[in-house]
Amino acid sequence: MSEPIRVLVLGAAGRMGRMVTAAVEAADGLEAVGAVDLPQLADGLSLPCFGTVAEAVAAVQPQVAIDFTHAEPARLNLPALIEHGVSPVIGTTGLSAAEVEALGGTAKHRGIPAFLAPNFAIGAVLMMRFAGEAAKYFDYADVIEYHHENKRDAPSGTAAKTLEMMLTARGGDFADTPVDEFETIDGARGGGRGFAHVHSVRMPGFVADQDVLLGGPGENLRISHRSLDRGCFMPGVVLAAKRVLGLPAGLTVGLDAIL
C-alpha cells in the first residue's frame, strides 16, 4: 500500500482552513502534517502550526499544500511553496491574471505541478460549463454573484471565470443595449466585459451563490448554483490534493480538468 500524500494547510485557523483540515484528515490517501498561520491563531488546531512556509517545509516535509487564504499572503506563500518543491492546490482568489501567469511560469520552470480552481464545488463547475454552452445562443447576459460580507475581492473568481468561458464560447462580445444608457447612481449596471454585466452582492447569509442570466427574443434563461454549506467544496479540494502530483509541471486551472 502506498504512503499517503503529506498535506500542509495554509490558513488553517480560518473557517475554510479548519474545514479543509478536517476533510484531509478524513480522506483516504492523504495525511495532514502541518499548518501555516499566524501563531496567535494556532490555539485549538489539530496540526503543528508554523509562521512561514520555510519553517513548515523544514519541519514536516509536505508534498502538497492547500491554500484558502487571501491574496496578500498568497502572493508570498505560493511562490515559496513552489521554490521548496511543494505542489500548491489554490482556492484563494483575488490574484491578478498577471500574477497567476507568473505563478504558472515559476511552477513550470521548477518542474512543479500546481493547481488552481475558481470554485471547488462540482455544481459550480457544471454551472460554468452550462453557461458557456448557453452563451452561444443568447445575445444578452448578466452574472450576479452573492458572497458573505467578509469576502474581499469582487467580482468572485467564479464570476470572472464564468464570463471568460461565455465570451470564449461565443467567440466575441454579447450585444450592447440598443439605447443610450446612463446611470443615476454610479455602478448601477455593475462592472463587466464584452457587454455582459457582473454584479457582486456582499451580505450575511450567503456562502457562495451565482446566477447567470441570459436573454433573447421573447425568453430568458437563468442558470443558478447555490452553496448551502462550505462542505460542498471539500470533495473537490480532496480530489485536487490527490491528483495534483500527477499533473504536468506548471499551473492547471479549473476543477473540470481533473474530473
C-alpha atoms as a PDB file:
ATOM      1  CA  MET A   1       0.000   0.000   0.000  1.00  0.00           C
ATOM      2  CA  SER A   2       1.440   3.401  -0.992  1.00  0.00           C
ATOM      3  CA  GLU A   3       2.232   6.055   1.578  1.00  0.00           C
ATOM      4  CA  PRO A   4      -0.388   8.823   1.979  1.00  0.00           C
ATOM      5  CA  ILE A   5       0.299  12.206   0.415  1.00  0.00           C
ATOM      6  CA  ARG A   6       1.638  14.633   3.010  1.00  0.00           C
ATOM      7  CA  VAL A   7      -0.509  17.784   3.049  1.00  0.00           C
ATOM      8  CA  LEU A   8       0.164  21.236   4.503  1.00  0.00           C
ATOM      9  CA  VAL A   9      -2.842  23.512   5.132  1.00  0.00           C
ATOM     10  CA  LEU A  10      -2.343  27.258   4.740  1.00  0.00           C
ATOM     11  CA  GLY A  11      -4.737  29.489   6.660  1.00  0.00           C
ATOM     12  CA  ALA A  12      -5.670  26.506   8.827  1.00  0.00           C
ATOM     13  CA  ALA A  13      -7.110  28.676  11.620  1.00  0.00           C
ATOM     14  CA  GLY A  14      -9.778  30.226   9.390  1.00  0.00           C
ATOM     15  CA  ARG A  15     -13.238  28.850   8.682  1.00  0.00           C
ATOM     16  CA  MET A  16     -12.251  27.281   5.380  1.00  0.00           C
ATOM     17  CA  GLY A  17      -8.891  26.192   6.744  1.00  0.00           C
ATOM     18  CA  ARG A  18     -10.442  24.255   9.614  1.00  0.00           C
ATOM     19  CA  MET A  19     -12.867  22.572   7.239  1.00  0.00           C
ATOM     20  CA  VAL A  20     -10.072  21.708   4.820  1.00  0.00           C
ATOM     21  CA  THR A  21      -8.036  20.226   7.666  1.00  0.00           C
ATOM     22  CA  ALA A  22     -10.949  18.040   8.753  1.00  0.00           C
ATOM     23  CA  ALA A  23     -11.572  16.898   5.170  1.00  0.00           C
ATOM     24  CA  VAL A  24      -7.913  15.977   4.632  1.00  0.00           C
ATOM     25  CA  GLU A  25      -7.760  14.132   7.943  1.00  0.00           C
ATOM     26  CA  ALA A  26     -10.842  12.113   6.965  1.00  0.00           C
ATOM     27  CA  ALA A  27      -9.681  11.302   3.420  1.00  0.00           C
ATOM     28  CA  ASP A  28      -8.033   8.047   2.439  1.00  0.00           C
ATOM     29  CA  GLY A  29      -4.665   8.591   0.800  1.00  0.00           C
ATOM     30  CA  LEU A  30      -3.998  11.991   2.409  1.00  0.00           C
ATOM     31  CA  GLU A  31      -2.240  12.895   5.651  1.00  0.00           C
ATOM     32  CA  ALA A  32      -2.479  16.382   7.172  1.00  0.00           C
ATOM     33  CA  VAL A  33       1.007  17.060   8.550  1.00  0.00           C
ATOM     34  CA  GLY A  34       1.087  20.764   9.376  1.00  0.00           C
ATOM     35  CA  ALA A  35      -0.407  24.225   9.139  1.00  0.00           C
ATOM     36  CA  VAL A  36       0.764  27.719   8.238  1.00  0.00           C
ATOM     37  CA  ASP A  37      -0.993  30.567  10.005  1.00  0.00           C
ATOM     38  CA  LEU A  38      -0.424  33.372  12.480  1.00  0.00           C
ATOM     39  CA  PRO A  39       0.940  31.827  15.718  1.00  0.00           C
ATOM     40  CA  GLN A  40      -1.615  33.689  17.836  1.00  0.00           C
ATOM     41  CA  LEU A  41      -4.397  31.855  15.979  1.00  0.00           C
ATOM     42  CA  ALA A  42      -2.974  28.359  16.484  1.00  0.00           C
ATOM     43  CA  ASP A  43      -4.931  27.506  19.646  1.00  0.00           C
ATOM     44  CA  GLY A  44      -7.244  24.580  19.058  1.00  0.00           C
ATOM     45  CA  LEU A  45      -5.599  23.429  15.825  1.00  0.00           C
ATOM     46  CA  SER A  46      -5.036  19.690  15.492  1.00  0.00           C
ATOM     47  CA  LEU A  47      -1.847  20.268  13.467  1.00  0.00           C
ATOM     48  CA  PRO A  48       1.550  21.738  14.334  1.00  0.00           C
ATOM     49  CA  CYS A  49       1.371  25.372  13.204  1.00  0.00           C
ATOM     50  CA  PHE A  50       4.224  27.369  11.666  1.00  0.00           C
ATOM     51  CA  GLY A  51       4.550  31.047  10.885  1.00  0.00           C
ATOM     52  CA  THR A  52       6.197  30.631   7.469  1.00  0.00           C
ATOM     53  CA  VAL A  53       6.270  28.177   4.577  1.00  0.00           C
ATOM     54  CA  ALA A  54      10.012  27.679   5.037  1.00  0.00           C
ATOM     55  CA  GLU A  55       9.571  26.640   8.674  1.00  0.00           C
ATOM     56  CA  ALA A  56       6.751  24.258   7.795  1.00  0.00           C
ATOM     57  CA  VAL A  57       8.623  22.607   4.930  1.00  0.00           C
ATOM     58  CA  ALA A  58      11.737  22.086   7.042  1.00  0.00           C
ATOM     59  CA  ALA A  59       9.746  20.575   9.897  1.00  0.00           C
ATOM     60  CA  VAL A  60       7.098  18.360   8.246  1.00  0.00           C
ATOM     61  CA  GLN A  61       8.232  17.921   4.600  1.00  0.00           C
ATOM     62  CA  PRO A  62       4.840  18.239   2.825  1.00  0.00           C
ATOM     63  CA  GLN A  63       4.305  17.187  -0.757  1.00  0.00           C
ATOM     64  CA  VAL A  64       1.114  19.199  -1.323  1.00  0.00           C
ATOM     65  CA  ALA A  65      -0.183  22.431   0.235  1.00  0.00           C
ATOM     66  CA  ILE A  66      -3.791  23.639   0.190  1.00  0.00           C
ATOM     67  CA  ASP A  67      -4.236  27.418   0.254  1.00  0.00           C
ATOM     68  CA  PHE A  68      -7.553  29.069   1.115  1.00  0.00           C
ATOM     69  CA  THR A  69      -6.290  32.384   2.484  1.00  0.00           C
ATOM     70  CA  HIS A  70      -6.267  35.881   0.965  1.00  0.00           C
ATOM     71  CA  ALA A  71      -4.409  37.354  -1.965  1.00  0.00           C
ATOM     72  CA  GLU A  72      -1.906  39.240   0.215  1.00  0.00           C
ATOM     73  CA  PRO A  73      -0.347  36.229   1.990  1.00  0.00           C
ATOM     74  CA  ALA A  74      -0.819  34.061  -1.100  1.00  0.00           C
ATOM     75  CA  ARG A  75       1.498  36.364  -3.061  1.00  0.00           C
ATOM     76  CA  LEU A  76       4.277  35.376  -0.653  1.00  0.00           C
ATOM     77  CA  ASN A  77       3.330  31.812   0.221  1.00  0.00           C
ATOM     78  CA  LEU A  78       2.570  30.344  -3.204  1.00  0.00           C
ATOM     79  CA  PRO A  79       5.952  31.160  -4.808  1.00  0.00           C
ATOM     80  CA  ALA A  80       7.643  29.979  -1.602  1.00  0.00           C
ATOM     81  CA  LEU A  81       5.863  26.632  -1.806  1.00  0.00           C
ATOM     82  CA  ILE A  82       6.941  26.125  -5.410  1.00  0.00           C
ATOM     83  CA  GLU A  83      10.536  27.129  -4.638  1.00  0.00           C
ATOM     84  CA  HIS A  84      10.561  24.492  -1.884  1.00  0.00           C
ATOM     85  CA  GLY A  85       9.208  21.818  -4.237  1.00  0.00           C
ATOM     86  CA  VAL A  86       5.693  21.656  -2.766  1.00  0.00           C
ATOM     87  CA  SER A  87       2.699  21.440  -5.131  1.00  0.00           C
ATOM     88  CA  PRO A  88       0.026  24.013  -4.239  1.00  0.00           C
ATOM     89  CA  VAL A  89      -3.718  23.452  -4.531  1.00  0.00           C
ATOM     90  CA  ILE A  90      -5.060  27.012  -4.693  1.00  0.00           C
ATOM     91  CA  GLY A  91      -8.534  28.100  -3.677  1.00  0.00           C
ATOM     92  CA  THR A  92      -7.533  31.684  -2.932  1.00  0.00           C
ATOM     93  CA  THR A  93      -8.987  34.296  -5.288  1.00  0.00           C
ATOM     94  CA  GLY A  94      -8.062  37.934  -5.840  1.00  0.00           C
ATOM     95  CA  LEU A  95      -4.795  37.304  -7.682  1.00  0.00           C
ATOM     96  CA  SER A  96      -4.474  39.180 -10.957  1.00  0.00           C
ATOM     97  CA  ALA A  97      -4.208  37.404 -14.293  1.00  0.00           C
ATOM     98  CA  ALA A  98      -0.568  38.507 -14.495  1.00  0.00           C
ATOM     99  CA  GLU A  99       0.150  37.060 -11.044  1.00  0.00           C
ATOM    100  CA  VAL A 100      -1.470  33.740 -11.947  1.00  0.00           C
ATOM    101  CA  GLU A 101       0.500  33.604 -15.200  1.00  0.00           C
ATOM    102  CA  ALA A 102       3.753  34.341 -13.363  1.00  0.00           C
ATOM    103  CA  LEU A 103       2.969  31.646 -10.806  1.00  0.00           C
ATOM    104  CA  GLY A 104       2.410  29.137 -13.576  1.00  0.00           C
ATOM    105  CA  GLY A 105       5.668  30.137 -15.216  1.00  0.00           C
ATOM    106  CA  THR A 106       7.575  29.653 -11.967  1.00  0.00           C
ATOM    107  CA  ALA A 107       5.977  26.242 -11.408  1.00  0.00           C
ATOM    108  CA  LYS A 108       6.829  25.110 -14.932  1.00  0.00           C
ATOM    109  CA  HIS A 109      10.411  26.344 -14.615  1.00  0.00           C
ATOM    110  CA  ARG A 110      10.834  24.484 -11.325  1.00  0.00           C
ATOM    111  CA  GLY A 111       9.144  21.332 -12.672  1.00  0.00           C
ATOM    112  CA  ILE A 112       6.371  21.525 -10.054  1.00  0.00           C
ATOM    113  CA  PRO A 113       2.712  20.740 -10.795  1.00  0.00           C
ATOM    114  CA  ALA A 114       0.291  23.299  -9.338  1.00  0.00           C
ATOM    115  CA  PHE A 115      -3.485  23.536  -9.406  1.00  0.00           C
ATOM    116  CA  LEU A 116      -5.921  26.451  -9.118  1.00  0.00           C
ATOM    117  CA  ALA A 117      -9.711  26.425  -9.201  1.00  0.00           C
ATOM    118  CA  PRO A 118     -12.009  29.459  -9.020  1.00  0.00           C
ATOM    119  CA  ASN A 119     -14.566  27.165  -7.387  1.00  0.00           C
ATOM    120  CA  PHE A 120     -14.215  23.645  -5.956  1.00  0.00           C
ATOM    121  CA  ALA A 121     -17.934  22.812  -5.923  1.00  0.00           C
ATOM    122  CA  ILE A 122     -18.933  20.251  -8.550  1.00  0.00           C
ATOM    123  CA  GLY A 123     -22.230  22.065  -9.169  1.00  0.00           C
ATOM    124  CA  ALA A 124     -20.435  25.356  -9.769  1.00  0.00           C
ATOM    125  CA  VAL A 125     -18.186  23.735 -12.367  1.00  0.00           C
ATOM    126  CA  LEU A 126     -21.252  22.406 -14.166  1.00  0.00           C
ATOM    127  CA  MET A 127     -22.966  25.802 -13.899  1.00  0.00           C
ATOM    128  CA  MET A 128     -19.989  27.458 -15.639  1.00  0.00           C
ATOM    129  CA  ARG A 129     -19.947  24.779 -18.331  1.00  0.00           C
ATOM    130  CA  PHE A 130     -23.681  25.132 -18.984  1.00  0.00           C
ATOM    131  CA  ALA A 131     -23.341  28.932 -19.107  1.00  0.00           C
ATOM    132  CA  GLY A 132     -20.633  28.647 -21.727  1.00  0.00           C
ATOM    133  CA  GLU A 133     -22.824  26.412 -23.872  1.00  0.00           C
ATOM    134  CA  ALA A 134     -25.883  28.665 -23.496  1.00  0.00           C
ATOM    135  CA  ALA A 135     -23.889  31.797 -24.331  1.00  0.00           C
ATOM    136  CA  LYS A 136     -23.693  30.674 -27.943  1.00  0.00           C
ATOM    137  CA  TYR A 137     -27.459  31.100 -28.327  1.00  0.00           C
ATOM    138  CA  PHE A 138     -28.342  34.260 -26.369  1.00  0.00           C
ATOM    139  CA  ASP A 139     -27.248  37.814 -27.147  1.00  0.00           C
ATOM    140  CA  TYR A 140     -27.579  39.358 -23.664  1.00  0.00           C
ATOM    141  CA  ALA A 141     -26.037  38.216 -20.390  1.00  0.00           C
ATOM    142  CA  ASP A 142     -25.596  39.298 -16.786  1.00  0.00           C
ATOM    143  CA  VAL A 143     -23.828  37.462 -13.951  1.00  0.00           C
ATOM    144  CA  ILE A 144     -24.887  38.044 -10.344  1.00  0.00           C
ATOM    145  CA  GLU A 145     -22.706  36.557  -7.609  1.00  0.00           C
ATOM    146  CA  TYR A 146     -23.527  36.514  -3.912  1.00  0.00           C
ATOM    147  CA  HIS A 147     -20.996  36.083  -1.104  1.00  0.00           C
ATOM    148  CA  HIS A 148     -20.708  36.681   2.620  1.00  0.00           C
ATOM    149  CA  GLU A 149     -19.804  40.147   3.894  1.00  0.00           C
ATOM    150  CA  ASN A 150     -16.164  39.224   4.625  1.00  0.00           C
ATOM    151  CA  LYS A 151     -15.167  38.353   1.064  1.00  0.00           C
ATOM    152  CA  ARG A 152     -12.577  40.883  -0.036  1.00  0.00           C
ATOM    153  CA  ASP A 153     -12.350  40.613  -3.821  1.00  0.00           C
ATOM    154  CA  ALA A 154     -15.098  41.447  -6.290  1.00  0.00           C
ATOM    155  CA  PRO A 155     -16.166  40.012  -8.566  1.00  0.00           C
ATOM    156  CA  SER A 156     -15.541  36.478  -7.364  1.00  0.00           C
ATOM    157  CA  GLY A 157     -13.129  34.231  -9.216  1.00  0.00           C
ATOM    158  CA  THR A 158     -16.085  32.080 -10.244  1.00  0.00           C
ATOM    159  CA  ALA A 159     -17.908  35.036 -11.810  1.00  0.00           C
ATOM    160  CA  ALA A 160     -14.789  36.158 -13.669  1.00  0.00           C
ATOM    161  CA  LYS A 161     -14.149  32.638 -14.959  1.00  0.00           C
ATOM    162  CA  THR A 162     -17.803  32.223 -15.974  1.00  0.00           C
ATOM    163  CA  LEU A 163     -17.678  35.425 -18.006  1.00  0.00           C
ATOM    164  CA  GLU A 164     -14.420  34.346 -19.643  1.00  0.00           C
ATOM    165  CA  MET A 165     -15.903  30.975 -20.609  1.00  0.00           C
ATOM    166  CA  MET A 166     -19.042  32.593 -22.018  1.00  0.00           C
ATOM    167  CA  LEU A 167     -17.134  35.074 -24.174  1.00  0.00           C
ATOM    168  CA  THR A 168     -14.787  32.332 -25.394  1.00  0.00           C
ATOM    169  CA  ALA A 169     -17.716  30.094 -26.313  1.00  0.00           C
ATOM    170  CA  ARG A 170     -19.359  32.942 -28.257  1.00  0.00           C
ATOM    171  CA  GLY A 171     -16.142  33.901 -29.955  1.00  0.00           C
ATOM    172  CA  GLY A 172     -16.871  37.573 -29.249  1.00  0.00           C
ATOM    173  CA  ASP A 173     -18.918  40.080 -27.309  1.00  0.00           C
ATOM    174  CA  PHE A 174     -22.552  39.952 -26.306  1.00  0.00           C
ATOM    175  CA  ALA A 175     -24.959  42.549 -27.707  1.00  0.00           C
ATOM    176  CA  ASP A 176     -24.945  46.074 -26.311  1.00  0.00           C
ATOM    177  CA  THR A 177     -28.247  47.576 -25.221  1.00  0.00           C
ATOM    178  CA  PRO A 178     -29.815  49.491 -28.113  1.00  0.00           C
ATOM    179  CA  VAL A 179     -30.465  52.674 -26.101  1.00  0.00           C
ATOM    180  CA  ASP A 180     -28.093  55.334 -24.805  1.00  0.00           C
ATOM    181  CA  GLU A 181     -27.805  54.289 -21.177  1.00  0.00           C
ATOM    182  CA  PHE A 182     -26.841  56.475 -18.243  1.00  0.00           C
ATOM    183  CA  GLU A 183     -26.545  55.719 -14.515  1.00  0.00           C
ATOM    184  CA  THR A 184     -28.140  57.981 -11.924  1.00  0.00           C
ATOM    185  CA  ILE A 185     -26.163  56.029  -9.291  1.00  0.00           C
ATOM    186  CA  ASP A 186     -22.595  55.134 -10.295  1.00  0.00           C
ATOM    187  CA  GLY A 187     -22.120  51.413 -10.836  1.00  0.00           C
ATOM    188  CA  ALA A 188     -25.828  50.611 -11.037  1.00  0.00           C
ATOM    189  CA  ARG A 189     -25.237  48.452 -14.108  1.00  0.00           C
ATOM    190  CA  GLY A 190     -22.291  46.709 -12.478  1.00  0.00           C
ATOM    191  CA  GLY A 191     -18.901  46.000 -13.994  1.00  0.00           C
ATOM    192  CA  GLY A 192     -18.401  43.788 -16.963  1.00  0.00           C
ATOM    193  CA  ARG A 193     -16.702  42.809 -20.149  1.00  0.00           C
ATOM    194  CA  GLY A 194     -17.924  42.277 -23.667  1.00  0.00           C
ATOM    195  CA  PHE A 195     -21.282  43.956 -22.821  1.00  0.00           C
ATOM    196  CA  ALA A 196     -22.052  41.307 -20.170  1.00  0.00           C
ATOM    197  CA  HIS A 197     -22.549  42.880 -16.748  1.00  0.00           C
ATOM    198  CA  VAL A 198     -21.340  41.441 -13.448  1.00  0.00           C
ATOM    199  CA  HIS A 199     -22.913  42.326 -10.101  1.00  0.00           C
ATOM    200  CA  SER A 200     -21.396  41.425  -6.711  1.00  0.00           C
ATOM    201  CA  VAL A 201     -23.584  41.092  -3.617  1.00  0.00           C
ATOM    202  CA  ARG A 202     -21.900  41.082  -0.188  1.00  0.00           C
ATOM    203  CA  MET A 203     -24.020  40.409   2.907  1.00  0.00           C
ATOM    204  CA  PRO A 204     -24.577  37.895   5.712  1.00  0.00           C
ATOM    205  CA  GLY A 205     -26.494  34.756   4.870  1.00  0.00           C
ATOM    206  CA  PHE A 206     -24.609  33.805   1.704  1.00  0.00           C
ATOM    207  CA  VAL A 207     -21.755  31.336   1.258  1.00  0.00           C
ATOM    208  CA  ALA A 208     -21.083  31.417  -2.500  1.00  0.00           C
ATOM    209  CA  ASP A 209     -24.034  31.645  -4.910  1.00  0.00           C
ATOM    210  CA  GLN A 210     -24.286  32.679  -8.537  1.00  0.00           C
ATOM    211  CA  ASP A 211     -26.953  33.354 -11.157  1.00  0.00           C
ATOM    212  CA  VAL A 212     -26.208  33.591 -14.860  1.00  0.00           C
ATOM    213  CA  LEU A 213     -28.980  35.418 -16.720  1.00  0.00           C
ATOM    214  CA  LEU A 214     -29.243  35.179 -20.494  1.00  0.00           C
ATOM    215  CA  GLY A 215     -31.795  36.857 -22.719  1.00  0.00           C
ATOM    216  CA  GLY A 216     -33.044  36.546 -26.265  1.00  0.00           C
ATOM    217  CA  PRO A 217     -36.217  37.390 -28.198  1.00  0.00           C
ATOM    218  CA  GLY A 218     -39.190  36.518 -26.012  1.00  0.00           C
ATOM    219  CA  GLU A 219     -37.324  34.462 -23.403  1.00  0.00           C
ATOM    220  CA  ASN A 220     -34.804  34.411 -20.565  1.00  0.00           C
ATOM    221  CA  LEU A 221     -32.651  31.598 -19.233  1.00  0.00           C
ATOM    222  CA  ARG A 222     -31.419  31.538 -15.628  1.00  0.00           C
ATOM    223  CA  ILE A 223     -28.622  29.133 -14.626  1.00  0.00           C
ATOM    224  CA  SER A 224     -28.135  29.103 -10.860  1.00  0.00           C
ATOM    225  CA  HIS A 225     -25.852  27.490  -8.336  1.00  0.00           C
ATOM    226  CA  ARG A 226     -26.343  27.649  -4.573  1.00  0.00           C
ATOM    227  CA  SER A 227     -23.697  26.730  -1.985  1.00  0.00           C
ATOM    228  CA  LEU A 228     -25.674  25.815   1.115  1.00  0.00           C
ATOM    229  CA  ASP A 229     -22.599  24.966   3.177  1.00  0.00           C
ATOM    230  CA  ARG A 230     -18.814  25.198   2.731  1.00  0.00           C
ATOM    231  CA  GLY A 231     -18.768  21.416   2.851  1.00  0.00           C
ATOM    232  CA  CYS A 232     -19.742  21.447  -0.834  1.00  0.00           C
ATOM    233  CA  PHE A 233     -16.169  22.486  -1.670  1.00  0.00           C
ATOM    234  CA  MET A 234     -14.470  19.643   0.185  1.00  0.00           C
ATOM    235  CA  PRO A 235     -14.877  16.770  -2.326  1.00  0.00           C
ATOM    236  CA  GLY A 236     -13.227  18.937  -4.987  1.00  0.00           C
ATOM    237  CA  VAL A 237     -10.430  20.010  -2.630  1.00  0.00           C
ATOM    238  CA  VAL A 238      -9.684  16.417  -1.638  1.00  0.00           C
ATOM    239  CA  LEU A 239      -9.740  15.302  -5.278  1.00  0.00           C
ATOM    240  CA  ALA A 240      -7.306  18.069  -6.260  1.00  0.00           C
ATOM    241  CA  ALA A 241      -4.952  17.205  -3.402  1.00  0.00           C
ATOM    242  CA  LYS A 242      -4.900  13.584  -4.524  1.00  0.00           C
ATOM    243  CA  ARG A 243      -4.337  14.341  -8.211  1.00  0.00           C
ATOM    244  CA  VAL A 244      -2.110  17.414  -8.318  1.00  0.00           C
ATOM    245  CA  LEU A 245       1.149  15.453  -8.128  1.00  0.00           C
ATOM    246  CA  GLY A 246       0.183  13.608 -11.313  1.00  0.00           C
ATOM    247  CA  LEU A 247      -0.436  16.778 -13.311  1.00  0.00           C
ATOM    248  CA  PRO A 248       2.146  18.224 -15.724  1.00  0.00           C
ATOM    249  CA  ALA A 249       4.614  20.816 -14.442  1.00  0.00           C
ATOM    250  CA  GLY A 250       3.090  24.288 -14.417  1.00  0.00           C
ATOM    251  CA  LEU A 251      -0.335  25.530 -13.408  1.00  0.00           C
ATOM    252  CA  THR A 252      -3.516  23.596 -14.227  1.00  0.00           C
ATOM    253  CA  VAL A 253      -6.658  25.725 -13.852  1.00  0.00           C
ATOM    254  CA  GLY A 254     -10.210  24.559 -13.235  1.00  0.00           C
ATOM    255  CA  LEU A 255     -11.739  21.574 -11.490  1.00  0.00           C
ATOM    256  CA  ASP A 256     -13.110  20.288 -14.793  1.00  0.00           C
ATOM    257  CA  ALA A 257      -9.506  19.491 -15.802  1.00  0.00           C
ATOM    258  CA  ILE A 258      -9.289  16.727 -13.180  1.00  0.00           C
ATOM    259  CA  LEU A 259     -12.875  15.426 -13.086  1.00  0.00           C
END
